Amino acid sequence: MTFTPQMAPQIKIAATYMRGGTSKGVFFRLQDLPPAAQIPGAARDQLLLRVIGSPDPYGKHTDGMGGATSSTSKTVILSQSSRADHDVDYLFGQVAIDKPFIDWSGNCGNLTAAVGSFAISNGLVDAARIPANGICTVRIWQANISKSIIAHVPITNGAVQETGDFELDGVTFPAAEVQIEFLDPAADEDGAGGSMFPTGQLVDELEVPGVGCFKATLINAGIPTIFVNAADIGYSGTELQDAINNDDKALARFETIRAYGALKMGLITELEQAKSRQHTPKIAFVAAPAAYVSSSGKHIAATETDLSVRALSMGKLHHAMMGTAAVAIGTAAAIPGTLVNLAAGGGDRTAVRFGHPSGTLRVGAEAQFVDGQWQVKKAIMSRSARVLMEGWVRVPMS
């Protein structure tokens, strides 16, 4: 063994490891980060990459807090909000697994469920606004996409109530229900011209060289998302992860579709830019409801859902459904004529229950056609969250 006394020691940073919905991430208060990492830039990215254990050519995250999946390679930075009528500013970083890259272009809807409880427990919400018992309404400013979100967090004896009997498909154990309201979810910071439908069409013809020409709904809501019909790309809509994630050709095809969709949405100006924008847009495929067996072995009857949806995140089929993509699903389902709405049977609707690889999920949204454009004031869904571990993460000083 070689003794190297000149090597720098590790530093320790206060952090909390939390589950939110079907995701996990490392949560920090902005003020607890080293000074160089308190501002956006290379120092912050390098620190968070090392916390997660990326880039990892082995794809395991053995030397970090990440879980080597898009759902578990996440970081969150929170601070007391300086904005009127908001409690906390929420910044989300999606960490690539095998590349030295953090995507700051979008939100994580699942981890949003944990933001309110972290903010309450870590002094970021005015104590006067926290009831002794009942529901604390936490007003969140989502800094990545400049949107307001409301989290309704249960409180017992002045502390966040984490345990309960609310069951969420994709999460093994029940917990307390946290209702999330995504206000005015149509993106206006990231999309072309700020329109919910950046091309002006509910359904576009998307031509992808080497793949084909097929219908697509391109929507900015919750997170920019490309919806295509499952049958048009050779799927049923009831696939589980292995059917796609073990097929390199299929993954490459989806990434090509995603890149051309991003170009048509105006999110990028050159196809090459899609490589440095892995988190957004998402790509999903939809189909009419059908019976299937979920990843946990649970039998889902066709009558239990309004439609089937499968979505990819960071280049892989998601094991359940991203929260922000669920907002996009609920929003698109509420607008007659989109591919999502048509897969659900068409017509007017204010809520939809869809099937995903881990089970089912209900999301509500109400749409209005105002001055020639569709508007959705809010989308609502329930999630759960809890602290898994809290203390310090240690990172080799550099």
Protein backbone atom coordinates (compact mmCIF):
# COMPACT_ATOMS: atom_id res chain seq x y z
CA MET A 1 0.00 0.00 0.00
CA THR A 2 1.30 3.45 -0.94
CA PHE A 3 1.00 6.21 1.66
CA THR A 4 0.07 9.54 0.05
CA PRO A 5 -0.21 12.20 2.81
CA GLN A 6 -0.52 15.00 0.26
CA MET A 7 -4.02 13.88 -0.82
CA ALA A 8 -6.80 16.28 0.14
CA PRO A 9 -9.33 15.18 2.78
CA GLN A 10 -13.07 14.79 2.32
CA ILE A 11 -15.43 17.61 3.14
CA LYS A 12 -18.85 17.00 4.68
CA ILE A 13 -22.03 18.81 3.68
CA ALA A 14 -25.39 18.75 5.46
CA ALA A 15 -27.84 16.83 3.30
CA THR A 16 -31.04 14.78 3.40
CA TYR A 17 -31.76 11.72 1.30
CA MET A 18 -35.46 11.68 0.45
CA ARG A 19 -38.00 9.74 -1.52
CA GLY A 20 -40.57 11.80 -3.35
CA GLY A 21 -43.20 9.90 -5.34
CA THR A 22 -41.38 7.20 -7.32
CA SER A 23 -38.02 9.01 -7.22
CA LYS A 24 -35.19 9.52 -4.73
CA GLY A 25 -32.74 12.37 -4.46
CA VAL A 26 -30.19 14.18 -2.31
CA PHE A 27 -31.63 17.43 -0.88
CA PHE A 28 -29.55 20.43 0.19
CA ARG A 29 -30.25 23.83 1.65
CA LEU A 30 -28.49 26.37 -0.53
CA GLN A 31 -26.83 27.92 2.52
CA ASP A 32 -25.23 24.57 3.47
CA LEU A 33 -23.34 24.18 0.20
CA PRO A 34 -19.69 25.33 -0.01
CA PRO A 35 -19.58 29.00 -1.11
CA ALA A 36 -18.35 28.17 -4.62
CA ALA A 37 -21.31 25.81 -5.11
CA GLN A 38 -23.91 28.30 -3.91
CA ILE A 39 -23.94 29.88 -7.35
CA PRO A 40 -24.66 28.10 -10.65
CA GLY A 41 -21.62 26.93 -12.56
CA ALA A 42 -18.89 24.34 -12.88
CA ALA A 43 -18.07 24.15 -9.15
CA ARG A 44 -21.68 23.33 -8.27
CA ASP A 45 -21.98 20.75 -11.04
CA GLN A 46 -18.70 19.06 -10.10
CA LEU A 47 -19.75 18.83 -6.47
CA LEU A 48 -23.15 17.33 -7.21
CA LEU A 49 -21.75 14.91 -9.77
CA ARG A 50 -19.35 13.62 -7.11
CA VAL A 51 -22.14 13.36 -4.53
CA ILE A 52 -24.17 11.16 -6.88
CA GLY A 53 -21.12 9.22 -8.12
CA SER A 54 -21.17 10.31 -11.76
CA PRO A 55 -19.88 9.82 -14.33
CA ASP A 56 -19.76 6.09 -13.76
CA PRO A 57 -18.74 3.97 -16.78
CA TYR A 58 -19.86 0.90 -14.83
CA GLY A 59 -23.38 2.33 -14.54
CA LYS A 60 -23.71 1.39 -10.85
CA HIS A 61 -23.05 4.56 -8.80
CA THR A 62 -21.13 2.41 -6.33
CA ASP A 63 -19.06 5.39 -5.13
CA GLY A 64 -21.92 7.84 -4.62
CA MET A 65 -25.47 8.41 -3.47
CA GLY A 66 -27.07 7.79 -6.86
CA GLY A 67 -29.05 4.69 -7.71
CA ALA A 68 -27.89 4.38 -11.34
CA THR A 69 -31.35 5.07 -12.78
CA SER A 70 -32.95 8.31 -13.96
CA SER A 71 -35.34 8.07 -10.98
CA THR A 72 -32.55 7.92 -8.43
CA SER A 73 -29.83 10.17 -9.89
CA LYS A 74 -31.30 13.43 -8.72
CA THR A 75 -30.30 16.46 -6.67
CA VAL A 76 -32.36 19.26 -5.16
CA ILE A 77 -31.28 22.66 -3.83
CA LEU A 78 -33.75 24.61 -1.70
CA SER A 79 -33.70 28.10 -0.24
CA GLN A 80 -36.12 30.45 1.45
CA SER A 81 -37.92 32.30 -1.31
CA SER A 82 -37.51 36.02 -1.84
CA ARG A 83 -40.58 36.02 -4.08
CA ALA A 84 -43.87 37.36 -2.79
CA ASP A 85 -46.43 34.70 -1.85
CA HIS A 86 -43.88 31.87 -2.01
CA ASP A 87 -42.15 29.99 0.79
CA VAL A 88 -39.31 28.17 -0.91
CA ASP A 89 -37.30 28.23 -4.14
CA TYR A 90 -36.81 24.75 -5.60
CA LEU A 91 -33.98 23.98 -8.04
CA PHE A 92 -33.71 20.49 -9.53
CA GLY A 93 -30.68 18.87 -11.16
CA GLN A 94 -31.00 15.64 -13.16
CA VAL A 95 -27.61 13.94 -13.02
CA ALA A 96 -26.45 11.86 -15.97
CA ILE A 97 -25.16 8.42 -15.03
CA ASP A 98 -22.31 7.84 -17.47
CA LYS A 99 -21.52 11.43 -18.49
CA PRO A 100 -20.15 14.44 -16.54
CA PHE A 101 -23.40 16.33 -17.03
CA ILE A 102 -26.28 17.77 -15.00
CA ASP A 103 -29.43 18.83 -16.82
CA TRP A 104 -31.07 21.89 -15.24
CA SER A 105 -33.68 22.34 -17.98
CA GLY A 106 -36.74 20.93 -16.22
CA ASN A 107 -38.54 19.97 -13.04
CA CYS A 108 -38.96 16.65 -11.24
CA GLY A 109 -42.63 16.28 -10.39
CA ASN A 110 -42.07 13.27 -8.16
CA LEU A 111 -39.49 14.98 -5.94
CA THR A 112 -41.81 17.99 -5.76
CA ALA A 113 -43.77 15.93 -3.24
CA ALA A 114 -40.75 15.98 -0.91
CA VAL A 115 -39.97 19.69 -1.30
CA GLY A 116 -42.74 20.88 1.00
CA SER A 117 -41.89 18.51 3.82
CA PHE A 118 -38.16 19.26 3.59
CA ALA A 119 -38.87 22.99 3.62
CA ILE A 120 -41.05 22.68 6.73
CA SER A 121 -38.57 20.48 8.59
CA ASN A 122 -35.56 22.64 7.72
CA GLY A 123 -36.81 26.08 8.70
CA LEU A 124 -37.63 27.36 5.21
CA VAL A 125 -41.32 27.90 5.97
CA ASP A 126 -42.46 30.57 8.43
CA ALA A 127 -43.36 28.79 11.67
CA ALA A 128 -46.52 30.89 11.91
CA ARG A 129 -47.83 29.18 8.77
CA ILE A 130 -47.39 25.65 10.14
CA PRO A 131 -50.46 24.35 12.02
CA ALA A 132 -50.13 22.16 15.08
CA ASN A 133 -52.31 19.62 13.33
CA GLY A 134 -53.82 19.65 9.86
CA ILE A 135 -52.49 20.59 6.42
CA CYS A 136 -49.66 23.04 5.77
CA THR A 137 -49.86 24.72 2.38
CA VAL A 138 -46.33 25.20 1.08
CA ARG A 139 -45.95 27.67 -1.80
CA ILE A 140 -43.08 26.55 -4.03
CA TRP A 141 -41.30 28.52 -6.74
CA GLN A 142 -39.93 26.01 -9.26
CA ALA A 143 -36.80 27.87 -10.36
CA ASN A 144 -35.93 25.63 -13.33
CA ILE A 145 -39.15 26.44 -15.20
CA SER A 146 -40.34 29.58 -13.36
CA LYS A 147 -43.62 28.07 -12.16
CA SER A 148 -45.63 28.07 -8.95
CA ILE A 149 -46.52 24.79 -7.25
CA ILE A 150 -48.61 24.23 -4.14
CA ALA A 151 -47.90 21.27 -1.86
CA HIS A 152 -50.43 20.27 0.80
CA VAL A 153 -48.37 18.59 3.52
CA PRO A 154 -50.01 16.79 6.48
CA ILE A 155 -48.85 17.95 9.93
CA THR A 156 -49.20 16.11 13.25
CA ASN A 157 -48.11 17.71 16.54
CA GLY A 158 -46.31 20.45 14.64
CA ALA A 159 -44.16 18.07 12.57
CA VAL A 160 -44.47 16.64 9.07
CA GLN A 161 -46.58 13.47 9.04
CA GLU A 162 -44.77 10.97 6.79
CA THR A 163 -46.46 7.67 7.61
CA GLY A 164 -49.93 6.81 6.42
CA ASP A 165 -52.05 4.44 4.34
CA PHE A 166 -51.83 6.17 0.94
CA GLU A 167 -50.59 3.69 -1.66
CA LEU A 168 -48.78 4.78 -4.81
CA ASP A 169 -48.07 2.26 -7.55
CA GLY A 170 -44.32 2.11 -8.05
CA VAL A 171 -43.63 2.61 -4.32
CA THR A 172 -43.44 -0.51 -2.14
CA PHE A 173 -44.82 0.82 1.14
CA PRO A 174 -47.74 3.13 1.98
CA ALA A 175 -47.16 6.62 3.39
CA ALA A 176 -48.99 9.90 4.02
CA GLU A 177 -50.68 11.50 1.02
CA VAL A 178 -49.31 14.81 -0.27
CA GLN A 179 -51.49 16.60 -2.81
CA ILE A 180 -49.63 18.68 -5.39
CA GLU A 181 -51.09 21.48 -7.50
CA PHE A 182 -49.10 22.54 -10.56
CA LEU A 183 -50.36 26.05 -11.31
CA ASP A 184 -50.56 27.22 -14.92
CA PRO A 185 -48.52 24.18 -15.97
CA ALA A 186 -48.08 25.12 -19.64
CA ALA A 187 -44.42 26.08 -20.05
CA ASP A 188 -43.76 29.68 -21.01
CA GLU A 189 -40.05 29.93 -20.28
CA ASP A 190 -38.84 26.96 -22.27
CA GLY A 191 -41.23 26.51 -25.15
CA ALA A 192 -41.31 28.24 -28.51
CA GLY A 193 -43.31 31.44 -28.09
CA GLY A 194 -44.61 30.27 -24.72
CA SER A 195 -47.48 28.31 -26.27
CA MET A 196 -48.79 25.08 -24.75
CA PHE A 197 -48.66 23.70 -28.30
CA PRO A 198 -45.51 25.26 -29.78
CA THR A 199 -46.40 24.32 -33.37
CA GLY A 200 -49.94 25.62 -32.99
CA GLN A 201 -51.33 22.14 -33.68
CA LEU A 202 -52.90 19.57 -31.38
CA VAL A 203 -51.51 16.85 -33.64
CA ASP A 204 -48.50 17.16 -35.94
CA GLU A 205 -46.98 14.96 -38.59
CA LEU A 206 -43.52 14.17 -37.28
CA GLU A 207 -41.10 12.96 -39.92
CA VAL A 208 -38.04 11.19 -38.54
CA PRO A 209 -35.43 9.98 -41.06
CA GLY A 210 -34.79 6.28 -40.68
CA VAL A 211 -37.83 5.83 -38.44
CA GLY A 212 -40.87 7.04 -40.38
CA CYS A 213 -43.59 9.65 -40.46
CA PHE A 214 -46.30 9.48 -37.80
CA LYS A 215 -48.66 11.59 -35.75
CA ALA A 216 -47.43 13.34 -32.60
CA THR A 217 -48.82 15.68 -29.97
CA LEU A 218 -46.11 18.13 -28.92
CA ILE A 219 -47.04 19.84 -25.66
CA ASN A 220 -45.43 22.15 -23.11
CA ALA A 221 -47.19 21.33 -19.83
CA GLY A 222 -45.49 20.14 -16.67
CA ILE A 223 -42.53 19.31 -18.87
CA PRO A 224 -42.15 19.50 -22.66
CA THR A 225 -43.38 16.13 -23.93
CA ILE A 226 -43.68 14.32 -27.25
CA PHE A 227 -46.64 11.92 -27.39
CA VAL A 228 -46.93 9.34 -30.18
CA ASN A 229 -49.30 6.43 -30.73
CA ALA A 230 -47.83 3.12 -29.55
CA ALA A 231 -49.09 1.26 -32.63
CA ASP A 232 -47.37 3.71 -34.99
CA ILE A 233 -43.95 2.73 -33.62
CA GLY A 234 -44.62 -0.99 -33.19
CA TYR A 235 -45.72 -1.23 -29.56
CA SER A 236 -48.91 -2.13 -27.68
CA GLY A 237 -48.61 0.41 -24.84
CA THR A 238 -48.46 -2.30 -22.16
CA GLU A 239 -44.69 -2.88 -22.31
CA LEU A 240 -42.54 -3.16 -19.17
CA GLN A 241 -38.98 -1.90 -18.84
CA ASP A 242 -37.13 -4.96 -20.11
CA ALA A 243 -39.03 -4.95 -23.41
CA ILE A 244 -37.41 -1.63 -24.33
CA ASN A 245 -34.43 -1.03 -22.07
CA ASN A 246 -32.77 -4.27 -23.20
CA ASP A 247 -33.15 -3.28 -26.85
CA ASP A 248 -30.36 -0.90 -27.88
CA LYS A 249 -31.88 -0.35 -31.31
CA ALA A 250 -35.20 0.65 -29.77
CA LEU A 251 -33.52 3.08 -27.37
CA ALA A 252 -31.59 4.67 -30.24
CA ARG A 253 -34.83 4.97 -32.22
CA PHE A 254 -36.60 6.69 -29.33
CA GLU A 255 -33.70 9.09 -28.89
CA THR A 256 -33.84 9.97 -32.58
CA ILE A 257 -37.58 10.63 -32.35
CA ARG A 258 -36.99 12.74 -29.24
CA ALA A 259 -34.34 14.83 -30.98
CA TYR A 260 -36.51 15.53 -34.02
CA GLY A 261 -39.46 16.31 -31.74
CA ALA A 262 -37.34 18.76 -29.73
CA LEU A 263 -36.33 20.45 -32.98
CA LYS A 264 -39.96 20.77 -34.11
CA MET A 265 -40.94 22.18 -30.69
CA GLY A 266 -38.26 24.86 -30.95
CA LEU A 267 -36.44 23.61 -27.86
CA ILE A 268 -33.24 23.18 -29.87
CA THR A 269 -32.01 24.66 -33.12
CA GLU A 270 -29.72 21.81 -34.13
CA LEU A 271 -30.15 18.06 -33.63
CA GLU A 272 -26.76 17.80 -31.93
CA GLN A 273 -28.05 19.95 -29.07
CA ALA A 274 -30.36 17.14 -27.94
CA LYS A 275 -27.31 15.33 -26.51
CA SER A 276 -26.78 18.08 -23.94
CA ARG A 277 -30.49 18.32 -23.15
CA GLN A 278 -31.29 14.81 -21.94
CA HIS A 279 -33.94 15.69 -19.35
CA THR A 280 -36.23 17.55 -21.75
CA PRO A 281 -38.30 16.97 -23.74
CA LYS A 282 -39.71 13.64 -22.64
CA ILE A 283 -41.04 11.11 -25.11
CA ALA A 284 -44.06 8.91 -24.40
CA PHE A 285 -46.33 6.55 -26.31
CA VAL A 286 -50.04 6.05 -25.72
CA ALA A 287 -52.68 3.43 -26.45
CA ALA A 288 -56.25 2.54 -25.53
CA PRO A 289 -56.68 0.79 -22.16
CA ALA A 290 -55.66 -2.87 -22.09
CA ALA A 291 -55.15 -5.56 -19.48
CA TYR A 292 -51.56 -6.27 -18.42
CA VAL A 293 -49.46 -7.45 -15.52
CA SER A 294 -47.44 -4.70 -13.84
CA SER A 295 -43.79 -4.97 -12.87
CA SER A 296 -44.80 -6.00 -9.34
CA GLY A 297 -46.97 -8.84 -10.64
CA LYS A 298 -50.22 -6.95 -10.06
CA HIS A 299 -52.94 -7.66 -12.64
CA ILE A 300 -54.34 -4.46 -14.13
CA ALA A 301 -57.71 -4.85 -15.84
CA ALA A 302 -58.53 -2.76 -18.90
CA THR A 303 -61.49 -1.33 -17.00
CA GLU A 304 -59.17 0.14 -14.34
CA THR A 305 -57.66 2.71 -16.69
CA ASP A 306 -58.70 5.24 -19.30
CA LEU A 307 -55.58 4.71 -21.41
CA SER A 308 -52.09 3.20 -21.35
CA VAL A 309 -48.95 5.37 -21.32
CA ARG A 310 -45.27 4.51 -21.32
CA ALA A 311 -42.61 7.23 -21.06
CA LEU A 312 -38.84 7.41 -21.33
CA SER A 313 -36.59 9.47 -19.08
CA MET A 314 -32.88 10.03 -19.66
CA GLY A 315 -32.89 7.49 -22.47
CA LYS A 316 -34.62 4.62 -20.63
CA LEU A 317 -38.22 3.50 -20.16
CA HIS A 318 -39.34 4.79 -16.76
CA HIS A 319 -40.35 2.19 -14.18
CA ALA A 320 -43.53 4.10 -13.39
CA MET A 321 -44.27 7.67 -14.53
CA MET A 322 -42.44 10.95 -14.07
CA GLY A 323 -44.59 13.42 -12.13
CA THR A 324 -44.09 16.19 -14.66
CA ALA A 325 -44.99 13.83 -17.50
CA ALA A 326 -48.14 12.92 -15.56
CA VAL A 327 -49.02 16.62 -15.63
CA ALA A 328 -48.50 16.60 -19.40
CA ILE A 329 -50.71 13.51 -19.67
CA GLY A 330 -53.50 15.06 -17.59
CA THR A 331 -53.31 18.33 -19.49
CA ALA A 332 -53.31 16.68 -22.93
CA ALA A 333 -56.14 14.35 -21.91
CA ALA A 334 -58.27 17.38 -20.99
CA ILE A 335 -57.96 18.86 -24.49
CA PRO A 336 -60.17 17.16 -27.11
CA GLY A 337 -58.27 16.01 -30.18
CA THR A 338 -54.79 15.36 -28.77
CA LEU A 339 -53.39 11.85 -29.13
CA VAL A 340 -53.66 11.40 -25.36
CA ASN A 341 -57.30 12.49 -25.34
CA LEU A 342 -58.14 10.25 -28.30
CA ALA A 343 -56.43 7.23 -26.70
CA ALA A 344 -58.62 7.83 -23.65
CA GLY A 345 -61.75 7.76 -25.80
CA GLY A 346 -61.97 11.43 -26.77
CA GLY A 347 -64.39 14.08 -25.54
CA ASP A 348 -64.29 16.40 -22.55
CA ARG A 349 -62.72 15.19 -19.32
CA THR A 350 -61.35 16.73 -16.14
CA ALA A 351 -59.34 13.73 -14.92
CA VAL A 352 -57.74 10.62 -16.31
CA ARG A 353 -56.41 7.39 -14.84
CA PHE A 354 -53.65 5.86 -16.91
CA GLY A 355 -51.75 2.62 -16.78
CA HIS A 356 -47.94 2.66 -16.48
CA PRO A 357 -45.39 -0.13 -15.94
CA SER A 358 -45.87 -0.16 -12.15
CA GLY A 359 -49.65 0.22 -12.06
CA THR A 360 -52.04 3.14 -12.39
CA LEU A 361 -52.12 6.85 -11.59
CA ARG A 362 -54.88 9.46 -11.58
CA VAL A 363 -54.23 13.09 -12.53
CA GLY A 364 -56.74 15.89 -12.91
CA ALA A 365 -56.69 18.99 -15.13
CA GLU A 366 -59.30 21.37 -16.47
CA ALA A 367 -58.81 23.04 -19.86
CA GLN A 368 -60.38 26.14 -21.39
CA PHE A 369 -60.18 27.52 -24.91
CA VAL A 370 -59.54 31.25 -24.49
CA ASP A 371 -58.71 33.77 -27.23
CA GLY A 372 -57.85 31.04 -29.68
CA GLN A 373 -55.54 29.12 -27.34
CA TRP A 374 -55.93 26.29 -24.88
CA GLN A 375 -55.23 27.12 -21.24
CA VAL A 376 -54.98 24.91 -18.17
CA LYS A 377 -54.94 26.74 -14.85
CA LYS A 378 -53.74 23.81 -12.77
CA ALA A 379 -53.12 20.09 -12.74
CA ILE A 380 -53.52 18.07 -9.54
CA MET A 381 -52.22 14.73 -8.38
CA SER A 382 -51.30 12.95 -5.17
CA ARG A 383 -47.89 11.63 -4.21
CA SER A 384 -46.12 10.69 -0.97
CA ALA A 385 -42.68 11.44 0.45
CA ARG A 386 -40.46 10.63 3.37
CA VAL A 387 -36.96 11.15 4.73
CA LEU A 388 -34.75 8.11 4.17
CA MET A 389 -31.62 9.44 5.86
CA GLU A 390 -30.29 12.75 7.07
CA GLY A 391 -26.91 14.04 8.20
CA TRP A 392 -23.94 14.76 5.94
CA VAL A 393 -22.64 13.56 2.63
CA ARG A 394 -18.87 13.40 2.27
CA VAL A 395 -17.09 14.42 -0.89
CA PRO A 396 -13.34 14.34 -1.69
CA MET A 397 -12.14 17.93 -1.66
CA SER A 398 -10.90 19.24 -4.99
